All heavy atoms as atom14 arrays in JSON, in Angstrom:
{
  "sequence": "VAAINLLLGRILGAKTVTCRRPSPLGVRNFDLAIL",
  "atom14_mask": [
    [1, 1, 1, 1, 1, 1, 1, 0, 0, 0, 0, 0, 0, 0],
    [1, 1, 1, 1, 1, 0, 0, 0, 0, 0, 0, 0, 0, 0],
    [1, 1, 1, 1, 1, 0, 0, 0, 0, 0, 0, 0, 0, 0],
    [1, 1, 1, 1, 1, 1, 1, 1, 0, 0, 0, 0, 0, 0],
    [1, 1, 1, 1, 1, 1, 1, 1, 0, 0, 0, 0, 0, 0],
    [1, 1, 1, 1, 1, 1, 1, 1, 0, 0, 0, 0, 0, 0],
    [1, 1, 1, 1, 1, 1, 1, 1, 0, 0, 0, 0, 0, 0],
    [1, 1, 1, 1, 1, 1, 1, 1, 0, 0, 0, 0, 0, 0],
    [1, 1, 1, 1, 0, 0, 0, 0, 0, 0, 0, 0, 0, 0],
    [1, 1, 1, 1, 1, 1, 1, 1, 1, 1, 1, 0, 0, 0],
    [1, 1, 1, 1, 1, 1, 1, 1, 0, 0, 0, 0, 0, 0],
    [1, 1, 1, 1, 1, 1, 1, 1, 0, 0, 0, 0, 0, 0],
    [1, 1, 1, 1, 0, 0, 0, 0, 0, 0, 0, 0, 0, 0],
    [1, 1, 1, 1, 1, 0, 0, 0, 0, 0, 0, 0, 0, 0],
    [1, 1, 1, 1, 1, 1, 1, 1, 1, 0, 0, 0, 0, 0],
    [1, 1, 1, 1, 1, 1, 1, 0, 0, 0, 0, 0, 0, 0],
    [1, 1, 1, 1, 1, 1, 1, 0, 0, 0, 0, 0, 0, 0],
    [1, 1, 1, 1, 1, 1, 1, 0, 0, 0, 0, 0, 0, 0],
    [1, 1, 1, 1, 1, 1, 0, 0, 0, 0, 0, 0, 0, 0],
    [1, 1, 1, 1, 1, 1, 1, 1, 1, 1, 1, 0, 0, 0],
    [1, 1, 1, 1, 1, 1, 1, 1, 1, 1, 1, 0, 0, 0],
    [1, 1, 1, 1, 1, 1, 1, 0, 0, 0, 0, 0, 0, 0],
    [1, 1, 1, 1, 1, 1, 0, 0, 0, 0, 0, 0, 0, 0],
    [1, 1, 1, 1, 1, 1, 1, 0, 0, 0, 0, 0, 0, 0],
    [1, 1, 1, 1, 1, 1, 1, 1, 0, 0, 0, 0, 0, 0],
    [1, 1, 1, 1, 0, 0, 0, 0, 0, 0, 0, 0, 0, 0],
    [1, 1, 1, 1, 1, 1, 1, 0, 0, 0, 0, 0, 0, 0],
    [1, 1, 1, 1, 1, 1, 1, 1, 1, 1, 1, 0, 0, 0],
    [1, 1, 1, 1, 1, 1, 1, 1, 0, 0, 0, 0, 0, 0],
    [1, 1, 1, 1, 1, 1, 1, 1, 1, 1, 1, 0, 0, 0],
    [1, 1, 1, 1, 1, 1, 1, 1, 0, 0, 0, 0, 0, 0],
    [1, 1, 1, 1, 1, 1, 1, 1, 0, 0, 0, 0, 0, 0],
    [1, 1, 1, 1, 1, 0, 0, 0, 0, 0, 0, 0, 0, 0],
    [1, 1, 1, 1, 1, 1, 1, 1, 0, 0, 0, 0, 0, 0],
    [1, 1, 1, 1, 1, 1, 1, 1, 0, 0, 0, 0, 0, 0]
  ],
  "atom14_positions": [
    [[7.04, -1.34, 5.82], [6.17, -2.46, 5.45], [5.28, -2.13, 4.25], [4.52, -2.96, 3.78], [5.29, -2.9, 6.64], [6.11, -3.62, 7.67], [4.57, -1.7, 7.25], [0.0, 0.0, 0.0], [0.0, 0.0, 0.0], [0.0, 0.0, 0.0], [0.0, 0.0, 0.0], [0.0, 0.0, 0.0], [0.0, 0.0, 0.0], [0.0, 0.0, 0.0]],
    [[5.4, -0.91, 3.72], [4.51, -0.48, 2.64], [4.74, -1.25, 1.35], [3.79, -1.66, 0.67], [4.68, 1.02, 2.4], [0.0, 0.0, 0.0], [0.0, 0.0, 0.0], [0.0, 0.0, 0.0], [0.0, 0.0, 0.0], [0.0, 0.0, 0.0], [0.0, 0.0, 0.0], [0.0, 0.0, 0.0], [0.0, 0.0, 0.0], [0.0, 0.0, 0.0]],
    [[6.01, -1.46, 0.99], [6.3, -2.2, -0.24], [5.8, -3.64, -0.14], [5.25, -4.19, -1.11], [7.8, -2.17, -0.53], [0.0, 0.0, 0.0], [0.0, 0.0, 0.0], [0.0, 0.0, 0.0], [0.0, 0.0, 0.0], [0.0, 0.0, 0.0], [0.0, 0.0, 0.0], [0.0, 0.0, 0.0], [0.0, 0.0, 0.0], [0.0, 0.0, 0.0]],
    [[5.95, -4.24, 1.03], [5.47, -5.61, 1.24], [3.95, -5.64, 1.11], [3.37, -6.58, 0.56], [5.9, -6.12, 2.64], [7.42, -5.99, 2.81], [5.47, -7.57, 2.83], [8.23, -6.76, 1.79], [0.0, 0.0, 0.0], [0.0, 0.0, 0.0], [0.0, 0.0, 0.0], [0.0, 0.0, 0.0], [0.0, 0.0, 0.0], [0.0, 0.0, 0.0]],
    [[3.28, -4.61, 1.6], [1.84, -4.49, 1.49], [1.41, -4.56, 0.02], [0.54, -5.36, -0.36], [1.39, -3.16, 2.11], [-0.13, -2.99, 2.18], [-0.86, -3.51, 1.35], [-0.58, -2.24, 3.16], [0.0, 0.0, 0.0], [0.0, 0.0, 0.0], [0.0, 0.0, 0.0], [0.0, 0.0, 0.0], [0.0, 0.0, 0.0], [0.0, 0.0, 0.0]],
    [[2.04, -3.76, -0.82], [1.68, -3.73, -2.24], [1.94, -5.08, -2.93], [1.12, -5.55, -3.72], [2.45, -2.63, -2.96], [2.05, -1.19, -2.6], [3.01, -0.2, -3.23], [0.62, -0.9, -3.03], [0.0, 0.0, 0.0], [0.0, 0.0, 0.0], [0.0, 0.0, 0.0], [0.0, 0.0, 0.0], [0.0, 0.0, 0.0], [0.0, 0.0, 0.0]],
    [[3.06, -5.7, -2.6], [3.4, -6.98, -3.23], [2.45, -8.08, -2.78], [1.97, -8.88, -3.59], [4.84, -7.35, -2.9], [5.93, -6.44, -3.51], [7.3, -6.81, -2.96], [5.92, -6.53, -5.03], [0.0, 0.0, 0.0], [0.0, 0.0, 0.0], [0.0, 0.0, 0.0], [0.0, 0.0, 0.0], [0.0, 0.0, 0.0], [0.0, 0.0, 0.0]],
    [[2.16, -8.12, -1.48], [1.26, -9.15, -0.95], [-0.16, -8.96, -1.49], [-0.86, -9.95, -1.77], [1.26, -9.12, 0.57], [0.49, -10.23, 1.28], [1.09, -11.6, 0.95], [0.5, -10.01, 2.8], [0.0, 0.0, 0.0], [0.0, 0.0, 0.0], [0.0, 0.0, 0.0], [0.0, 0.0, 0.0], [0.0, 0.0, 0.0], [0.0, 0.0, 0.0]],
    [[-0.57, -7.72, -1.65], [-1.89, -7.45, -2.2], [-2.06, -8.03, -3.58], [-3.14, -8.53, -3.94], [0.0, 0.0, 0.0], [0.0, 0.0, 0.0], [0.0, 0.0, 0.0], [0.0, 0.0, 0.0], [0.0, 0.0, 0.0], [0.0, 0.0, 0.0], [0.0, 0.0, 0.0], [0.0, 0.0, 0.0], [0.0, 0.0, 0.0], [0.0, 0.0, 0.0]],
    [[-1.0, -8.01, -4.37], [-1.07, -8.56, -5.73], [-1.14, -10.09, -5.71], [-1.84, -10.69, -6.52], [0.14, -8.09, -6.54], [0.13, -6.59, -6.79], [1.23, -6.17, -7.73], [1.24, -4.72, -7.88], [2.01, -4.08, -8.74], [2.82, -4.75, -9.53], [1.97, -2.76, -8.8], [0.0, 0.0, 0.0], [0.0, 0.0, 0.0], [0.0, 0.0, 0.0]],
    [[-0.41, -10.69, -4.79], [-0.44, -12.14, -4.72], [-1.83, -12.64, -4.31], [-2.35, -13.6, -4.88], [0.62, -12.66, -3.7], [2.03, -12.43, -4.24], [0.41, -14.14, -3.41], [3.11, -12.87, -3.27], [0.0, 0.0, 0.0], [0.0, 0.0, 0.0], [0.0, 0.0, 0.0], [0.0, 0.0, 0.0], [0.0, 0.0, 0.0], [0.0, 0.0, 0.0]],
    [[-2.44, -11.96, -3.33], [-3.7, -12.43, -2.77], [-4.93, -11.78, -3.42], [-6.06, -12.14, -3.1], [-3.74, -12.15, -1.26], [-2.66, -12.84, -0.43], [-2.77, -12.43, 1.04], [-2.76, -14.36, -0.55], [0.0, 0.0, 0.0], [0.0, 0.0, 0.0], [0.0, 0.0, 0.0], [0.0, 0.0, 0.0], [0.0, 0.0, 0.0], [0.0, 0.0, 0.0]],
    [[-4.7, -10.82, -4.3], [-5.83, -10.12, -4.92], [-6.62, -9.32, -3.89], [-7.84, -9.2, -3.98], [0.0, 0.0, 0.0], [0.0, 0.0, 0.0], [0.0, 0.0, 0.0], [0.0, 0.0, 0.0], [0.0, 0.0, 0.0], [0.0, 0.0, 0.0], [0.0, 0.0, 0.0], [0.0, 0.0, 0.0], [0.0, 0.0, 0.0], [0.0, 0.0, 0.0]],
    [[-5.92, -8.75, -2.92], [-6.55, -8.02, -1.82], [-6.39, -6.51, -2.01], [-5.5, -6.04, -2.71], [-5.93, -8.43, -0.48], [0.0, 0.0, 0.0], [0.0, 0.0, 0.0], [0.0, 0.0, 0.0], [0.0, 0.0, 0.0], [0.0, 0.0, 0.0], [0.0, 0.0, 0.0], [0.0, 0.0, 0.0], [0.0, 0.0, 0.0], [0.0, 0.0, 0.0]],
    [[-7.27, -5.74, -1.34], [-7.16, -4.3, -1.33], [-6.02, -3.89, -0.39], [-5.88, -4.45, 0.7], [-8.47, -3.65, -0.87], [-9.66, -3.95, -1.76], [-9.49, -3.34, -3.14], [-10.74, -3.56, -4.0], [-10.59, -3.0, -5.36], [0.0, 0.0, 0.0], [0.0, 0.0, 0.0], [0.0, 0.0, 0.0], [0.0, 0.0, 0.0], [0.0, 0.0, 0.0]],
    [[-5.24, -2.92, -0.8], [-4.09, -2.49, 0.0], [-4.4, -1.15, 0.67], [-4.82, -0.2, 0.04], [-2.84, -2.34, -0.89], [-3.13, -1.47, -1.99], [-2.42, -3.7, -1.43], [0.0, 0.0, 0.0], [0.0, 0.0, 0.0], [0.0, 0.0, 0.0], [0.0, 0.0, 0.0], [0.0, 0.0, 0.0], [0.0, 0.0, 0.0], [0.0, 0.0, 0.0]],
    [[-4.16, -1.11, 1.99], [-4.46, 0.09, 2.79], [-3.23, 0.45, 3.6], [-2.67, -0.4, 4.31], [-5.66, -0.15, 3.73], [-5.95, 1.12, 4.54], [-6.9, -0.57, 2.94], [0.0, 0.0, 0.0], [0.0, 0.0, 0.0], [0.0, 0.0, 0.0], [0.0, 0.0, 0.0], [0.0, 0.0, 0.0], [0.0, 0.0, 0.0], [0.0, 0.0, 0.0]],
    [[-2.82, 1.72, 3.53], [-1.69, 2.18, 4.33], [-2.1, 3.35, 5.21], [-2.9, 4.19, 4.81], [-0.51, 2.63, 3.42], [0.58, 3.08, 4.25], [-0.91, 3.75, 2.49], [0.0, 0.0, 0.0], [0.0, 0.0, 0.0], [0.0, 0.0, 0.0], [0.0, 0.0, 0.0], [0.0, 0.0, 0.0], [0.0, 0.0, 0.0], [0.0, 0.0, 0.0]],
    [[-1.6, 3.37, 6.44], [-1.72, 4.54, 7.3], [-0.4, 5.32, 7.21], [0.67, 4.73, 7.22], [-1.96, 4.12, 8.75], [-3.51, 3.26, 9.03], [0.0, 0.0, 0.0], [0.0, 0.0, 0.0], [0.0, 0.0, 0.0], [0.0, 0.0, 0.0], [0.0, 0.0, 0.0], [0.0, 0.0, 0.0], [0.0, 0.0, 0.0], [0.0, 0.0, 0.0]],
    [[-0.49, 6.62, 7.15], [0.65, 7.51, 6.91], [1.07, 7.42, 5.45], [0.74, 6.49, 4.73], [1.84, 7.2, 7.84], [1.57, 7.27, 9.34], [1.54, 8.72, 9.84], [1.45, 8.78, 11.28], [2.47, 9.13, 12.08], [3.63, 9.43, 11.56], [2.28, 9.19, 13.38], [0.0, 0.0, 0.0], [0.0, 0.0, 0.0], [0.0, 0.0, 0.0]],
    [[1.86, 8.39, 5.03], [2.4, 8.42, 3.67], [3.76, 7.73, 3.69], [4.73, 8.26, 4.25], [2.54, 9.86, 3.18], [3.02, 9.98, 1.73], [3.18, 11.45, 1.34], [1.92, 12.15, 1.36], [1.05, 12.18, 0.36], [1.33, 11.52, -0.77], [-0.08, 12.84, 0.47], [0.0, 0.0, 0.0], [0.0, 0.0, 0.0], [0.0, 0.0, 0.0]],
    [[3.88, 6.55, 3.08], [5.16, 5.83, 3.15], [6.21, 6.43, 2.22], [5.91, 6.81, 1.09], [4.78, 4.41, 2.7], [3.57, 4.6, 1.84], [2.84, 5.79, 2.38], [0.0, 0.0, 0.0], [0.0, 0.0, 0.0], [0.0, 0.0, 0.0], [0.0, 0.0, 0.0], [0.0, 0.0, 0.0], [0.0, 0.0, 0.0], [0.0, 0.0, 0.0]],
    [[7.41, 6.52, 2.73], [8.53, 7.05, 1.96], [9.39, 5.91, 1.43], [9.66, 4.95, 2.15], [9.37, 7.97, 2.86], [10.52, 8.43, 2.19], [0.0, 0.0, 0.0], [0.0, 0.0, 0.0], [0.0, 0.0, 0.0], [0.0, 0.0, 0.0], [0.0, 0.0, 0.0], [0.0, 0.0, 0.0], [0.0, 0.0, 0.0], [0.0, 0.0, 0.0]],
    [[9.85, 6.0, 0.18], [9.57, 7.01, -0.84], [8.41, 6.63, -1.76], [8.2, 7.27, -2.78], [10.87, 7.04, -1.63], [11.31, 5.6, -1.63], [10.88, 5.03, -0.3], [0.0, 0.0, 0.0], [0.0, 0.0, 0.0], [0.0, 0.0, 0.0], [0.0, 0.0, 0.0], [0.0, 0.0, 0.0], [0.0, 0.0, 0.0], [0.0, 0.0, 0.0]],
    [[7.64, 5.62, -1.4], [6.63, 5.07, -2.3], [5.52, 6.05, -2.63], [5.0, 6.06, -3.74], [6.01, 3.8, -1.7], [6.76, 2.48, -1.89], [8.05, 2.48, -1.09], [5.88, 1.33, -1.42], [0.0, 0.0, 0.0], [0.0, 0.0, 0.0], [0.0, 0.0, 0.0], [0.0, 0.0, 0.0], [0.0, 0.0, 0.0], [0.0, 0.0, 0.0]],
    [[5.11, 6.87, -1.66], [3.91, 7.66, -1.85], [2.68, 6.77, -1.77], [2.75, 5.62, -1.34], [0.0, 0.0, 0.0], [0.0, 0.0, 0.0], [0.0, 0.0, 0.0], [0.0, 0.0, 0.0], [0.0, 0.0, 0.0], [0.0, 0.0, 0.0], [0.0, 0.0, 0.0], [0.0, 0.0, 0.0], [0.0, 0.0, 0.0], [0.0, 0.0, 0.0]],
    [[1.55, 7.26, -2.22], [0.29, 6.54, -2.02], [-0.41, 6.16, -3.33], [-1.47, 5.54, -3.3], [-0.69, 7.39, -1.17], [-0.06, 7.74, 0.17], [-1.12, 8.67, -1.89], [0.0, 0.0, 0.0], [0.0, 0.0, 0.0], [0.0, 0.0, 0.0], [0.0, 0.0, 0.0], [0.0, 0.0, 0.0], [0.0, 0.0, 0.0], [0.0, 0.0, 0.0]],
    [[0.18, 6.5, -4.46], [-0.55, 6.35, -5.73], [-0.93, 4.92, -6.05], [-1.94, 4.67, -6.73], [0.26, 6.94, -6.89], [1.58, 6.24, -7.17], [2.39, 6.98, -8.23], [3.64, 6.31, -8.55], [4.75, 6.43, -7.85], [4.75, 7.19, -6.76], [5.86, 5.79, -8.2], [0.0, 0.0, 0.0], [0.0, 0.0, 0.0], [0.0, 0.0, 0.0]],
    [[-0.15, 3.93, -5.6], [-0.43, 2.54, -5.95], [-1.28, 1.8, -4.91], [-1.61, 0.63, -5.11], [0.88, 1.77, -6.17], [1.62, 2.27, -7.4], [1.02, 2.47, -8.45], [2.92, 2.5, -7.28], [0.0, 0.0, 0.0], [0.0, 0.0, 0.0], [0.0, 0.0, 0.0], [0.0, 0.0, 0.0], [0.0, 0.0, 0.0], [0.0, 0.0, 0.0]],
    [[-1.65, 2.47, -3.83], [-2.49, 1.86, -2.8], [-3.96, 2.07, -3.14], [-4.34, 3.08, -3.73], [-2.19, 2.46, -1.43], [-0.89, 2.0, -0.84], [0.28, 2.7, -1.07], [-0.84, 0.86, -0.06], [1.48, 2.28, -0.54], [0.36, 0.42, 0.48], [1.52, 1.13, 0.24], [0.0, 0.0, 0.0], [0.0, 0.0, 0.0], [0.0, 0.0, 0.0]],
    [[-4.78, 1.11, -2.75], [-6.21, 1.28, -2.93], [-6.78, 2.33, -1.97], [-7.74, 3.02, -2.3], [-6.93, -0.06, -2.7], [-6.57, -1.09, -3.76], [-6.84, -0.83, -4.95], [-5.99, -2.13, -3.4], [0.0, 0.0, 0.0], [0.0, 0.0, 0.0], [0.0, 0.0, 0.0], [0.0, 0.0, 0.0], [0.0, 0.0, 0.0], [0.0, 0.0, 0.0]],
    [[-6.15, 2.46, -0.79], [-6.59, 3.47, 0.18], [-5.4, 3.89, 1.03], [-4.65, 3.05, 1.51], [-7.7, 2.91, 1.08], [-8.26, 3.85, 2.15], [-8.96, 5.04, 1.51], [-9.21, 3.11, 3.09], [0.0, 0.0, 0.0], [0.0, 0.0, 0.0], [0.0, 0.0, 0.0], [0.0, 0.0, 0.0], [0.0, 0.0, 0.0], [0.0, 0.0, 0.0]],
    [[-5.26, 5.2, 1.21], [-4.24, 5.75, 2.09], [-4.92, 6.63, 3.13], [-5.68, 7.54, 2.78], [-3.22, 6.57, 1.31], [0.0, 0.0, 0.0], [0.0, 0.0, 0.0], [0.0, 0.0, 0.0], [0.0, 0.0, 0.0], [0.0, 0.0, 0.0], [0.0, 0.0, 0.0], [0.0, 0.0, 0.0], [0.0, 0.0, 0.0], [0.0, 0.0, 0.0]],
    [[-4.7, 6.33, 4.4], [-5.28, 7.09, 5.51], [-4.21, 8.08, 5.98], [-3.21, 7.69, 6.58], [-5.71, 6.16, 6.65], [-6.76, 5.17, 6.13], [-6.25, 6.94, 7.83], [-6.98, 3.97, 7.01], [0.0, 0.0, 0.0], [0.0, 0.0, 0.0], [0.0, 0.0, 0.0], [0.0, 0.0, 0.0], [0.0, 0.0, 0.0], [0.0, 0.0, 0.0]],
    [[-4.42, 9.36, 5.68], [-3.36, 10.35, 5.87], [-3.76, 11.42, 6.88], [-4.8, 12.07, 6.74], [-3.04, 11.04, 4.54], [-2.58, 10.15, 3.38], [-2.21, 11.0, 2.18], [-1.41, 9.28, 3.79], [0.0, 0.0, 0.0], [0.0, 0.0, 0.0], [0.0, 0.0, 0.0], [0.0, 0.0, 0.0], [0.0, 0.0, 0.0], [0.0, 0.0, 0.0]]
  ]
}
């Protein structure tokens, strides 16, 4: 669900937060990664 998170964040202008390190995306494009 990480890629959907990033795409939806752009549509809604929202901050994107992920738990765990998503593969293969990594965390560089998220506003916050809880690792």
